C-alpha atoms as a PDB file:
ATOM      1  CA  MET A   1      50.550 148.272 -53.856  1.00  0.00           C
ATOM      2  CA  ASN A   2      50.268 146.763 -50.445  1.00  0.00           C
ATOM      3  CA  GLY A   3      53.150 145.054 -48.768  1.00  0.00           C
ATOM      4  CA  ILE A   4      52.852 141.398 -47.545  1.00  0.00           C
ATOM      5  CA  PHE A   5      54.934 140.832 -44.417  1.00  0.00           C
ATOM      6  CA  ILE A   6      54.971 137.183 -43.274  1.00  0.00           C
ATOM      7  CA  ILE A   7      55.970 136.373 -39.478  1.00  0.00           C
ATOM      8  CA  ALA A   8      56.042 132.983 -38.486  1.00  0.00           C
ATOM      9  CA  HIS A   9      57.669 130.691 -36.433  1.00  0.00           C
ATOM     10  CA  ALA A  10      61.568 129.488 -38.039  1.00  0.00           C
ATOM     11  CA  PRO A  11      61.705 128.518 -40.828  1.00  0.00           C
ATOM     12  CA  LEU A  12      58.077 128.760 -42.075  1.00  0.00           C
ATOM     13  CA  ALA A  13      58.011 132.516 -42.903  1.00  0.00           C
ATOM     14  CA  THR A  14      60.934 132.188 -45.275  1.00  0.00           C
ATOM     15  CA  ALA A  15      59.895 128.997 -46.558  1.00  0.00           C
ATOM     16  CA  LEU A  16      56.522 130.883 -47.609  1.00  0.00           C
ATOM     17  CA  ARG A  17      58.623 133.599 -49.059  1.00  0.00           C
ATOM     18  CA  GLN A  18      60.170 131.005 -51.215  1.00  0.00           C
ATOM     19  CA  CYS A  19      57.141 129.460 -52.398  1.00  0.00           C
ATOM     20  CA  VAL A  20      55.841 132.751 -53.596  1.00  0.00           C
ATOM     21  CA  SER A  21      58.756 133.284 -55.550  1.00  0.00           C
ATOM     22  CA  HIS A  22      58.667 129.814 -57.069  1.00  0.00           C
ATOM     23  CA  VAL A  23      55.097 130.764 -58.060  1.00  0.00           C
ATOM     24  CA  PHE A  24      55.615 134.309 -58.910  1.00  0.00           C
ATOM     25  CA  PRO A  25      59.300 134.783 -59.627  1.00  0.00           C
ATOM     26  CA  ASP A  26      58.806 138.434 -60.948  1.00  0.00           C
ATOM     27  CA  ASN A  27      56.617 139.687 -58.102  1.00  0.00           C
ATOM     28  CA  THR A  28      58.381 139.207 -54.895  1.00  0.00           C
ATOM     29  CA  ALA A  29      59.170 142.630 -54.336  1.00  0.00           C
ATOM     30  CA  GLY A  30      57.194 144.102 -51.317  1.00  0.00           C
ATOM     31  CA  VAL A  31      56.958 140.950 -49.690  1.00  0.00           C
ATOM     32  CA  ALA A  32      58.932 140.272 -46.514  1.00  0.00           C
ATOM     33  CA  ALA A  33      59.462 137.162 -44.061  1.00  0.00           C
ATOM     34  CA  LEU A  34      60.575 137.173 -40.441  1.00  0.00           C
ATOM     35  CA  ASP A  35      61.159 134.218 -38.940  1.00  0.00           C
ATOM     36  CA  VAL A  36      60.927 134.028 -35.292  1.00  0.00           C
ATOM     37  CA  GLN A  37      63.612 132.433 -33.749  1.00  0.00           C
ATOM     38  CA  PRO A  38      63.024 130.629 -30.112  1.00  0.00           C
ATOM     39  CA  ASP A  39      65.724 132.112 -28.631  1.00  0.00           C
ATOM     40  CA  THR A  40      65.125 135.505 -29.423  1.00  0.00           C
ATOM     41  CA  PRO A  41      63.422 137.964 -26.762  1.00  0.00           C
ATOM     42  CA  PRO A  42      59.975 139.174 -28.201  1.00  0.00           C
ATOM     43  CA  GLU A  43      61.408 142.658 -27.673  1.00  0.00           C
ATOM     44  CA  GLU A  44      64.053 142.046 -30.293  1.00  0.00           C
ATOM     45  CA  THR A  45      61.727 140.328 -32.688  1.00  0.00           C
ATOM     46  CA  LEU A  46      59.286 143.411 -32.421  1.00  0.00           C
ATOM     47  CA  GLU A  47      62.010 145.945 -33.158  1.00  0.00           C
ATOM     48  CA  GLN A  48      63.233 143.873 -36.304  1.00  0.00           C
ATOM     49  CA  ALA A  49      59.652 143.462 -37.404  1.00  0.00           C
ATOM     50  CA  ARG A  50      59.072 147.323 -37.082  1.00  0.00           C
ATOM     51  CA  ILE A  51      62.547 147.760 -39.121  1.00  0.00           C
ATOM     52  CA  MET A  52      61.446 145.417 -41.865  1.00  0.00           C
ATOM     53  CA  LEU A  53      58.126 146.569 -42.207  1.00  0.00           C
ATOM     54  CA  ASN A  54      59.376 150.039 -42.970  1.00  0.00           C
ATOM     55  CA  GLN A  55      61.738 148.653 -45.563  1.00  0.00           C
ATOM     56  CA  LEU A  56      58.579 147.433 -47.285  1.00  0.00           C
ATOM     57  CA  GLY A  57      58.330 150.647 -48.790  1.00  0.00           C
ATOM     58  CA  THR A  58      54.430 150.851 -49.025  1.00  0.00           C
ATOM     59  CA  SER A  59      51.998 152.935 -47.460  1.00  0.00           C
ATOM     60  CA  GLN A  60      49.861 149.961 -46.466  1.00  0.00           C
ATOM     61  CA  ALA A  61      50.698 146.352 -45.532  1.00  0.00           C
ATOM     62  CA  LEU A  62      49.170 142.791 -44.831  1.00  0.00           C
ATOM     63  CA  VAL A  63      50.913 141.032 -41.933  1.00  0.00           C
ATOM     64  CA  LEU A  64      50.245 137.263 -41.997  1.00  0.00           C
ATOM     65  CA  VAL A  65      51.266 134.837 -38.939  1.00  0.00           C
ATOM     66  CA  ASP A  66      51.375 131.241 -38.595  1.00  0.00           C
ATOM     67  CA  VAL A  67      49.460 130.824 -35.174  1.00  0.00           C
ATOM     68  CA  PHE A  68      46.980 132.884 -33.067  1.00  0.00           C
ATOM     69  CA  GLY A  69      48.364 133.440 -29.589  1.00  0.00           C
ATOM     70  CA  ALA A  70      51.773 132.641 -30.218  1.00  0.00           C
ATOM     71  CA  THR A  71      55.003 134.381 -30.263  1.00  0.00           C
ATOM     72  CA  PRO A  72      54.657 135.725 -34.023  1.00  0.00           C
ATOM     73  CA  CYS A  73      50.814 137.116 -33.440  1.00  0.00           C
ATOM     74  CA  ASN A  74      51.903 138.543 -30.201  1.00  0.00           C
ATOM     75  CA  VAL A  75      54.530 140.368 -31.722  1.00  0.00           C
ATOM     76  CA  ALA A  76      52.460 141.161 -34.914  1.00  0.00           C
ATOM     77  CA  GLN A  77      49.602 142.619 -32.644  1.00  0.00           C
ATOM     78  CA  LYS A  78      51.871 145.440 -31.321  1.00  0.00           C
ATOM     79  CA  LEU A  79      53.133 146.188 -34.739  1.00  0.00           C
ATOM     80  CA  VAL A  80      49.713 146.366 -36.708  1.00  0.00           C
ATOM     81  CA  ASP A  81      47.437 149.722 -36.434  1.00  0.00           C
ATOM     82  CA  GLY A  82      44.418 148.328 -37.675  1.00  0.00           C
ATOM     83  CA  VAL A  83      44.528 151.140 -40.650  1.00  0.00           C
ATOM     84  CA  ASN A  84      47.378 150.994 -42.600  1.00  0.00           C
ATOM     85  CA  THR A  85      48.312 147.746 -41.718  1.00  0.00           C
ATOM     86  CA  ARG A  86      46.143 144.520 -41.110  1.00  0.00           C
ATOM     87  CA  LEU A  87      46.820 141.331 -39.469  1.00  0.00           C
ATOM     88  CA  ILE A  88      45.699 137.876 -40.149  1.00  0.00           C
ATOM     89  CA  ALA A  89      46.409 134.782 -38.301  1.00  0.00           C
ATOM     90  CA  GLY A  90      46.622 131.359 -39.851  1.00  0.00           C
ATOM     91  CA  VAL A  91      48.759 131.606 -42.804  1.00  0.00           C
ATOM     92  CA  ASN A  92      48.813 129.128 -45.217  1.00  0.00           C
ATOM     93  CA  LEU A  93      50.050 129.054 -49.229  1.00  0.00           C
ATOM     94  CA  PRO A  94      46.593 129.460 -50.839  1.00  0.00           C
ATOM     95  CA  MET A  95      46.259 132.652 -48.619  1.00  0.00           C
ATOM     96  CA  LEU A  96      49.591 133.784 -49.331  1.00  0.00           C
ATOM     97  CA  LEU A  97      49.565 133.185 -53.149  1.00  0.00           C
ATOM     98  CA  ARG A  98      45.776 135.077 -53.178  1.00  0.00           C
ATOM     99  CA  THR A  99      47.097 138.181 -51.497  1.00  0.00           C
ATOM    100  CA  VAL A 100      50.199 138.209 -53.895  1.00  0.00           C
ATOM    101  CA  SER A 101      47.769 138.085 -56.908  1.00  0.00           C
ATOM    102  CA  TYR A 102      45.603 140.700 -55.598  1.00  0.00           C
ATOM    103  CA  ARG A 103      47.866 142.910 -53.521  1.00  0.00           C
ATOM    104  CA  ASN A 104      47.037 146.181 -55.668  1.00  0.00           C
ATOM    105  CA  GLU A 105      43.555 146.046 -54.540  1.00  0.00           C
ATOM    106  CA  SER A 106      42.369 148.260 -51.349  1.00  0.00           C
ATOM    107  CA  LEU A 107      43.922 146.785 -47.827  1.00  0.00           C
ATOM    108  CA  ASP A 108      40.155 145.612 -47.055  1.00  0.00           C
ATOM    109  CA  ALA A 109      39.684 143.881 -50.153  1.00  0.00           C
ATOM    110  CA  LEU A 110      43.013 142.121 -49.859  1.00  0.00           C
ATOM    111  CA  VAL A 111      42.041 141.010 -46.093  1.00  0.00           C
ATOM    112  CA  ALA A 112      38.586 139.423 -47.852  1.00  0.00           C
ATOM    113  CA  ARG A 113      40.687 137.737 -50.435  1.00  0.00           C
ATOM    114  CA  ALA A 114      43.271 136.404 -48.278  1.00  0.00           C
ATOM    115  CA  LEU A 115      40.494 134.916 -45.860  1.00  0.00           C
ATOM    116  CA  ALA A 116      38.905 133.672 -48.712  1.00  0.00           C
ATOM    117  CA  GLY A 117      42.241 132.060 -50.296  1.00  0.00           C
ATOM    118  CA  ALA A 118      42.493 130.243 -46.839  1.00  0.00           C
ATOM    119  CA  THR A 119      39.498 128.498 -46.886  1.00  0.00           C
ATOM    120  CA  GLN A 120      38.934 127.671 -50.629  1.00  0.00           C
ATOM    121  CA  GLY A 121      42.304 125.991 -50.375  1.00  0.00           C
ATOM    122  CA  VAL A 122      41.572 123.822 -47.657  1.00  0.00           C
ATOM    123  CA  MET A 123      39.722 120.991 -48.703  1.00  0.00           C
ATOM    124  CA  GLN A 124      39.324 116.963 -48.719  1.00  0.00           C
ATOM    125  CA  VAL A 125      40.576 115.565 -51.799  1.00  0.00           C
ATOM    126  CA  ALA A 126      38.595 112.352 -53.134  1.00  0.00           C
ATOM    127  CA  ILE A 127      40.949 109.485 -53.735  1.00  0.00           C
ATOM    128  CA  THR A 128      40.730 107.753 -57.183  1.00  0.00           C
ATOM    129  CA  ALA A 129      41.906 104.268 -58.379  1.00  0.00           C
ATOM    130  CA  PRO A 130      45.270 103.975 -59.439  1.00  0.00           C
ATOM    131  CA  GLN A 131      45.398 103.968 -63.190  1.00  0.00           C
ATOM    132  CA  ASN A 132      46.667 100.946 -63.908  1.00  0.00           C
ATOM    133  CA  GLN A 133      44.469  99.017 -61.644  1.00  0.00           C
ATOM    134  CA  SER A 134      41.373  97.550 -62.796  1.00  0.00           C
ATOM    135  CA  LEU A 135      38.203  98.283 -60.855  1.00  0.00           C
ATOM    136  CA  ARG A 136      35.740  95.886 -59.511  1.00  0.00           C
ATOM    137  CA  ASP A 137      32.041  96.395 -59.822  1.00  0.00           C
ATOM    138  CA  HIS A 138      31.472  98.051 -56.542  1.00  0.00           C
ATOM    139  CA  ASP A 139      34.527 100.279 -56.500  1.00  0.00           C
ATOM    140  CA  GLN A 140      32.884 101.615 -59.703  1.00  0.00           C
ATOM    141  CA  ASP A 141      30.100 102.439 -58.007  1.00  0.00           C
ATOM    142  CA  GLN A 142      31.877 104.230 -55.237  1.00  0.00           C
ATOM    143  CA  ARG A 143      33.877 106.036 -57.138  1.00  0.00           C
ATOM    144  CA  GLU A 144      31.211 107.806 -59.303  1.00  0.00           C
ATOM    145  CA  HIS A 145      29.443 108.939 -56.106  1.00  0.00           C
ATOM    146  CA  GLN A 146      32.654 110.493 -54.866  1.00  0.00           C
ATOM    147  CA  GLN A 147      33.007 113.089 -58.113  1.00  0.00           C
END
């Protein structure tokens, strides 16, 4: 089973892990979170990340960070090797839930699932009329076109 390691600006990493715990209460083993504090030097964050990655107890791991080019990503780039650990920037909750659901797959397949989950989880949602509000004739036509 692949480990999942979230590294993000505080308190996002912990909050995302808590969401995983909420959705999958029995499936949080092997999911770690590191909140990057604004006053901590990157070298200290990297050392802490190395320790936490080793503590996952998995031979392979997917590292998820919040923003490409920011400190969490820069730290993670020094942490991953591209073989046993992979890195994806732009973590969101649909991506994370997808990775937890499919973490028994190969690391390559898990990366593909994570990217698909991230993009498929972002969509514009049509707004419908409130339930107890009567529709006017022209509103009904517009609503049918949105669906």
